[in-house]
N, C-alpha and C. Protein backbone atom coordinates (compact mmCIF):
# COMPACT_ATOMS: atom_id res chain seq x y z
N MET A 1 -17.08 46.69 60.87
CA MET A 1 -17.01 46.43 62.29
C MET A 1 -17.62 45.08 62.66
N GLN A 2 -18.63 44.61 61.90
CA GLN A 2 -19.26 43.34 62.21
C GLN A 2 -18.28 42.18 62.06
N ALA A 3 -17.39 42.27 61.07
CA ALA A 3 -16.41 41.20 60.86
C ALA A 3 -15.45 41.11 62.04
N LEU A 4 -15.13 42.24 62.65
CA LEU A 4 -14.24 42.24 63.80
C LEU A 4 -14.92 41.67 65.04
N GLU A 5 -16.23 41.83 65.15
CA GLU A 5 -16.96 41.30 66.31
C GLU A 5 -16.89 39.78 66.36
N ASN A 6 -16.96 39.13 65.19
CA ASN A 6 -17.02 37.67 65.13
C ASN A 6 -15.64 37.03 64.97
N ARG A 7 -14.59 37.81 65.06
CA ARG A 7 -13.23 37.33 64.86
C ARG A 7 -12.78 36.44 65.99
N LYS A 8 -11.99 35.40 65.64
CA LYS A 8 -11.42 34.55 66.67
C LYS A 8 -10.24 35.27 67.32
N GLY A 9 -9.93 34.88 68.53
CA GLY A 9 -8.83 35.52 69.24
C GLY A 9 -9.35 36.21 70.49
N ARG A 10 -8.45 36.86 71.19
CA ARG A 10 -8.81 37.51 72.44
C ARG A 10 -9.63 38.76 72.18
N THR A 11 -10.61 38.98 73.03
CA THR A 11 -11.36 40.24 73.03
C THR A 11 -11.31 40.79 74.45
N LEU A 12 -11.10 42.08 74.55
CA LEU A 12 -11.01 42.75 75.84
C LEU A 12 -11.95 43.94 75.87
N THR A 13 -12.40 44.30 77.05
CA THR A 13 -13.25 45.46 77.24
C THR A 13 -12.55 46.42 78.18
N GLY A 14 -12.51 47.69 77.81
CA GLY A 14 -11.84 48.68 78.64
C GLY A 14 -12.32 50.09 78.36
N ILE A 15 -11.64 51.04 78.98
CA ILE A 15 -12.00 52.45 78.88
C ILE A 15 -10.88 53.20 78.16
N VAL A 16 -11.27 54.08 77.23
CA VAL A 16 -10.29 54.86 76.47
C VAL A 16 -9.66 55.90 77.38
N VAL A 17 -8.33 55.86 77.46
CA VAL A 17 -7.57 56.77 78.31
C VAL A 17 -7.02 57.93 77.49
N SER A 18 -6.68 57.65 76.22
CA SER A 18 -6.10 58.69 75.36
C SER A 18 -6.55 58.47 73.92
N ASP A 19 -6.86 59.60 73.25
CA ASP A 19 -7.20 59.55 71.83
C ASP A 19 -6.46 60.63 71.06
N LYS A 20 -5.30 61.02 71.56
CA LYS A 20 -4.55 62.13 70.98
C LYS A 20 -3.88 61.78 69.65
N SER A 21 -3.48 60.53 69.48
CA SER A 21 -2.82 60.13 68.24
C SER A 21 -3.85 59.93 67.14
N ASP A 22 -3.40 60.06 65.89
CA ASP A 22 -4.28 59.88 64.75
C ASP A 22 -4.52 58.39 64.52
N LYS A 23 -5.79 57.98 64.50
CA LYS A 23 -6.22 56.59 64.27
C LYS A 23 -5.70 55.62 65.32
N THR A 24 -5.38 56.12 66.51
CA THR A 24 -4.89 55.27 67.59
C THR A 24 -5.55 55.69 68.89
N ILE A 25 -5.96 54.70 69.68
CA ILE A 25 -6.49 54.97 71.01
C ILE A 25 -5.72 54.13 72.01
N VAL A 26 -5.66 54.60 73.25
CA VAL A 26 -5.06 53.84 74.33
C VAL A 26 -6.19 53.41 75.25
N VAL A 27 -6.30 52.09 75.47
CA VAL A 27 -7.40 51.52 76.24
C VAL A 27 -6.85 50.90 77.51
N ARG A 28 -7.44 51.26 78.66
CA ARG A 28 -7.04 50.67 79.95
C ARG A 28 -8.01 49.54 80.28
N VAL A 29 -7.45 48.35 80.46
CA VAL A 29 -8.25 47.16 80.76
C VAL A 29 -7.97 46.74 82.19
N GLU A 30 -9.03 46.53 82.96
CA GLU A 30 -8.90 46.10 84.35
C GLU A 30 -9.35 44.65 84.47
N THR A 31 -8.55 43.85 85.18
CA THR A 31 -8.91 42.46 85.44
C THR A 31 -8.75 42.18 86.93
N LEU A 32 -9.53 41.25 87.43
CA LEU A 32 -9.42 40.82 88.82
C LEU A 32 -8.64 39.51 88.86
N VAL A 33 -7.57 39.48 89.66
CA VAL A 33 -6.70 38.32 89.77
C VAL A 33 -6.64 37.93 91.24
N LYS A 34 -6.78 36.64 91.51
CA LYS A 34 -6.72 36.18 92.89
C LYS A 34 -5.26 36.07 93.33
N HIS A 35 -4.93 36.72 94.44
CA HIS A 35 -3.58 36.70 94.97
C HIS A 35 -3.27 35.30 95.49
N PRO A 36 -2.11 34.72 95.11
CA PRO A 36 -1.85 33.33 95.49
C PRO A 36 -1.66 33.10 96.99
N LEU A 37 -1.13 34.07 97.69
CA LEU A 37 -0.87 33.90 99.11
C LEU A 37 -2.01 34.43 99.98
N LEU A 38 -2.49 35.62 99.66
CA LEU A 38 -3.52 36.27 100.49
C LEU A 38 -4.93 35.79 100.17
N LYS A 39 -5.12 35.14 99.03
CA LYS A 39 -6.42 34.61 98.60
C LYS A 39 -7.50 35.68 98.48
N LYS A 40 -7.09 36.90 98.20
CA LYS A 40 -8.07 37.95 97.94
C LYS A 40 -7.85 38.47 96.53
N TYR A 41 -8.89 39.09 95.97
CA TYR A 41 -8.82 39.54 94.59
C TYR A 41 -8.15 40.91 94.52
N VAL A 42 -7.21 41.02 93.57
CA VAL A 42 -6.45 42.25 93.36
C VAL A 42 -6.78 42.76 91.96
N ARG A 43 -6.98 44.06 91.81
CA ARG A 43 -7.29 44.65 90.52
C ARG A 43 -6.00 44.95 89.76
N ARG A 44 -5.89 44.41 88.56
CA ARG A 44 -4.73 44.66 87.71
C ARG A 44 -5.17 45.52 86.54
N ARG A 45 -4.34 46.52 86.21
CA ARG A 45 -4.64 47.41 85.09
C ARG A 45 -3.53 47.32 84.07
N LYS A 46 -3.89 47.33 82.79
CA LYS A 46 -2.90 47.31 81.73
C LYS A 46 -3.42 48.17 80.58
N LYS A 47 -2.50 48.86 79.90
CA LYS A 47 -2.87 49.72 78.78
C LYS A 47 -2.52 49.04 77.47
N PHE A 48 -3.45 49.13 76.52
CA PHE A 48 -3.25 48.59 75.18
C PHE A 48 -3.48 49.70 74.17
N THR A 49 -2.63 49.75 73.12
CA THR A 49 -2.88 50.68 72.03
C THR A 49 -3.66 49.94 70.96
N ALA A 50 -4.72 50.56 70.47
CA ALA A 50 -5.60 49.92 69.49
C ALA A 50 -5.81 50.84 68.29
N HIS A 51 -6.08 50.22 67.14
CA HIS A 51 -6.31 50.95 65.90
C HIS A 51 -7.77 51.40 65.83
N ASP A 52 -7.98 52.70 65.62
CA ASP A 52 -9.31 53.28 65.47
C ASP A 52 -9.35 53.99 64.12
N PRO A 53 -9.73 53.28 63.03
CA PRO A 53 -9.59 53.83 61.68
C PRO A 53 -10.41 55.08 61.40
N MET A 54 -11.55 55.25 62.07
CA MET A 54 -12.43 56.39 61.79
C MET A 54 -12.28 57.52 62.81
N ASN A 55 -11.41 57.37 63.80
CA ASN A 55 -11.24 58.37 64.86
C ASN A 55 -12.58 58.67 65.54
N GLU A 56 -13.36 57.63 65.85
CA GLU A 56 -14.69 57.84 66.42
C GLU A 56 -14.73 57.74 67.94
N CYS A 57 -13.66 57.29 68.57
CA CYS A 57 -13.64 57.16 70.03
C CYS A 57 -13.17 58.45 70.69
N GLY A 58 -13.68 58.67 71.88
CA GLY A 58 -13.26 59.81 72.69
C GLY A 58 -12.82 59.33 74.05
N MET A 59 -12.27 60.26 74.83
CA MET A 59 -11.82 59.92 76.18
C MET A 59 -13.01 59.46 77.02
N GLY A 60 -12.82 58.38 77.76
CA GLY A 60 -13.85 57.89 78.66
C GLY A 60 -14.84 56.92 78.06
N ASP A 61 -14.75 56.66 76.75
CA ASP A 61 -15.65 55.71 76.12
C ASP A 61 -15.32 54.29 76.57
N LYS A 62 -16.36 53.48 76.72
CA LYS A 62 -16.15 52.06 77.03
C LYS A 62 -16.17 51.32 75.70
N VAL A 63 -15.08 50.60 75.40
CA VAL A 63 -14.93 49.98 74.09
C VAL A 63 -14.56 48.51 74.20
N LYS A 64 -14.76 47.80 73.10
CA LYS A 64 -14.36 46.40 72.97
C LYS A 64 -13.28 46.34 71.91
N ILE A 65 -12.14 45.71 72.24
CA ILE A 65 -11.04 45.59 71.28
C ILE A 65 -10.74 44.11 71.04
N VAL A 66 -10.26 43.81 69.83
CA VAL A 66 -9.92 42.44 69.46
C VAL A 66 -8.46 42.37 69.02
N GLU A 67 -7.88 41.20 69.21
CA GLU A 67 -6.50 40.98 68.80
C GLU A 67 -6.43 41.01 67.28
N PHE A 68 -5.36 41.60 66.75
CA PHE A 68 -5.24 41.81 65.31
C PHE A 68 -3.77 41.68 64.93
N ARG A 69 -3.50 41.69 63.64
CA ARG A 69 -2.10 41.62 63.19
C ARG A 69 -1.35 42.88 63.64
N PRO A 70 -0.03 42.81 63.80
CA PRO A 70 0.72 44.00 64.20
C PRO A 70 0.63 45.11 63.16
N MET A 71 0.27 46.31 63.61
CA MET A 71 0.16 47.46 62.70
C MET A 71 1.32 48.43 62.90
N SER A 72 1.95 48.37 64.06
CA SER A 72 3.14 49.17 64.33
C SER A 72 3.89 48.47 65.45
N ARG A 73 4.86 49.16 66.04
CA ARG A 73 5.67 48.53 67.08
C ARG A 73 4.84 48.11 68.28
N ASN A 74 3.88 48.94 68.67
CA ASN A 74 3.09 48.67 69.86
C ASN A 74 1.63 48.30 69.58
N LYS A 75 1.15 48.57 68.38
CA LYS A 75 -0.28 48.42 68.08
C LYS A 75 -0.58 47.02 67.55
N ARG A 76 -1.25 46.20 68.40
CA ARG A 76 -1.63 44.85 68.02
C ARG A 76 -3.11 44.59 68.27
N TRP A 77 -3.89 45.62 68.50
CA TRP A 77 -5.31 45.50 68.79
C TRP A 77 -6.10 46.39 67.85
N HIS A 78 -7.36 46.05 67.63
CA HIS A 78 -8.22 46.80 66.71
C HIS A 78 -9.54 47.06 67.42
N LEU A 79 -10.10 48.24 67.22
CA LEU A 79 -11.37 48.59 67.82
C LEU A 79 -12.50 47.76 67.19
N ALA A 80 -13.24 47.02 68.00
CA ALA A 80 -14.34 46.20 67.49
C ALA A 80 -15.66 46.97 67.57
N SER A 81 -15.93 47.58 68.74
CA SER A 81 -17.17 48.34 68.88
C SER A 81 -17.06 49.27 70.07
N ILE A 82 -17.93 50.28 70.04
CA ILE A 82 -18.05 51.20 71.17
C ILE A 82 -19.27 50.75 71.96
N ILE A 83 -19.03 50.36 73.20
CA ILE A 83 -20.12 49.86 74.04
C ILE A 83 -20.92 51.02 74.62
N GLU A 84 -20.21 52.04 75.10
CA GLU A 84 -20.88 53.16 75.76
C GLU A 84 -20.07 54.43 75.54
N LYS A 85 -20.73 55.47 75.07
CA LYS A 85 -20.06 56.75 74.87
C LYS A 85 -19.99 57.51 76.20
N ALA A 86 -18.90 58.26 76.37
CA ALA A 86 -18.74 59.08 77.58
C ALA A 86 -19.66 60.30 77.48
N VAL A 87 -20.04 60.80 78.62
CA VAL A 87 -20.94 61.96 78.66
C VAL A 87 -20.17 63.24 78.38
């Protein structure tokens, strides 16, 4: 996991929405984007599928994911670390 922390590329932080698949988690990432016309911040949400080799994440965990080589059709992210476990 330490090698993934120091990896170059994009890193995102989000919340695990689903852990039903084997070695795969779905992470929802929220970003704030300024609306071009209204000049107010709008919350954007996007889901990413990430590789979780040890099946250690659960629903509601706050995790950090890093960009990785394609592992399947949709999986292009890898779990770097678990920031906070869900209660």
